Amino acid sequence: MNSSRTRKPDVTSLEPAAVDWQMSSFSNGAGGMCVEAGTFDGGVVVRDSKNPGGPVLSFSKAEWAAFVDGVENGEMRF
């Protein structure tokens, strides 16, 4: 069974204007290197704020939680 926690959002029907996009708190506000994330179809979608009509990455809730956990625990190096 594929629950909403493990299912990736189906972005084929994504209307970007319908997503409540949130800009990264690490954004410097100067117009560069910014990502936006929002919830959609039971998961999380991410896009480049400089190209809002461009490609969108999709993650299940479990994948997104694992990513955030890794960042918060210093497992990611940027």
Protein backbone atom coordinates (compact mmCIF):
# COMPACT_ATOMS: atom_id res chain seq x y z
CA MET A 1 0.00 0.00 0.00
CA ASN A 2 1.32 3.44 -0.95
CA SER A 3 0.35 5.91 1.78
CA SER A 4 0.49 9.69 1.33
CA ARG A 5 3.58 9.70 3.57
CA THR A 6 5.58 7.60 1.11
CA ARG A 7 3.96 8.66 -2.18
CA LYS A 8 5.63 11.42 -4.18
CA PRO A 9 3.35 14.21 -5.40
CA ASP A 10 2.13 13.85 -8.98
CA VAL A 11 3.36 17.14 -10.42
CA THR A 12 1.81 16.57 -13.84
CA SER A 13 -1.24 18.53 -12.67
CA LEU A 14 0.72 21.11 -10.67
CA GLU A 15 -0.47 24.69 -11.04
CA PRO A 16 2.38 26.70 -9.47
CA ALA A 17 0.07 29.63 -8.64
CA ALA A 18 -2.05 27.31 -6.46
CA VAL A 19 0.89 26.34 -4.22
CA ASP A 20 1.66 28.40 -1.11
CA TRP A 21 5.38 28.72 -1.82
CA GLN A 22 7.71 29.50 1.08
CA MET A 23 11.19 30.90 0.42
CA SER A 24 14.13 29.35 2.21
CA SER A 25 15.05 31.10 5.45
CA PHE A 26 18.64 30.91 4.23
CA SER A 27 17.85 33.18 1.29
CA ASN A 28 19.71 36.46 1.43
CA GLY A 29 16.92 38.33 -0.37
CA ALA A 30 19.34 39.59 -3.02
CA GLY A 31 17.80 37.50 -5.81
CA GLY A 32 20.26 34.64 -5.97
CA MET A 33 20.55 31.04 -4.80
CA CYS A 34 17.00 30.82 -3.46
CA VAL A 35 14.69 27.86 -3.32
CA GLU A 36 11.01 27.79 -2.53
CA ALA A 37 9.07 24.87 -1.11
CA GLY A 38 5.38 24.17 -0.70
CA THR A 39 2.96 21.36 -0.05
CA PHE A 40 1.13 19.73 -2.94
CA ASP A 41 -0.77 16.49 -3.43
CA GLY A 42 0.23 15.11 -0.04
CA GLY A 43 3.95 15.83 -0.38
CA VAL A 44 6.44 18.64 -0.81
CA VAL A 45 7.48 20.40 -4.01
CA VAL A 46 10.59 22.56 -4.47
CA ARG A 47 11.51 25.05 -7.18
CA ASP A 48 14.15 27.64 -8.03
CA SER A 49 12.77 31.05 -7.09
CA LYS A 50 14.59 32.66 -10.04
CA ASN A 51 12.71 30.37 -12.42
CA PRO A 52 9.19 29.89 -10.98
CA GLY A 53 7.87 28.40 -14.21
CA GLY A 54 10.73 25.94 -14.49
CA PRO A 55 11.19 22.40 -13.23
CA VAL A 56 9.78 21.31 -9.88
CA LEU A 57 11.24 18.59 -7.67
CA SER A 58 8.79 16.47 -5.70
CA PHE A 59 9.29 14.60 -2.45
CA SER A 60 7.09 12.40 -0.30
CA LYS A 61 6.54 13.60 3.25
CA ALA A 62 8.94 10.89 4.48
CA GLU A 63 11.67 11.92 2.03
CA TRP A 64 11.31 15.59 2.97
CA ALA A 65 11.38 14.77 6.70
CA ALA A 66 14.59 12.75 6.21
CA PHE A 67 16.18 15.64 4.29
CA VAL A 68 15.25 18.22 6.95
CA ASP A 69 16.45 15.89 9.70
CA GLY A 70 19.78 15.45 7.93
CA VAL A 71 20.25 19.21 7.56
CA GLU A 72 19.32 19.86 11.19
CA ASN A 73 21.74 17.16 12.39
CA GLY A 74 24.67 18.46 10.33
CA GLU A 75 24.71 15.53 7.91
CA MET A 76 24.63 17.87 4.91
CA ARG A 77 27.54 20.07 3.92
CA PHE A 78 26.78 23.12 1.82
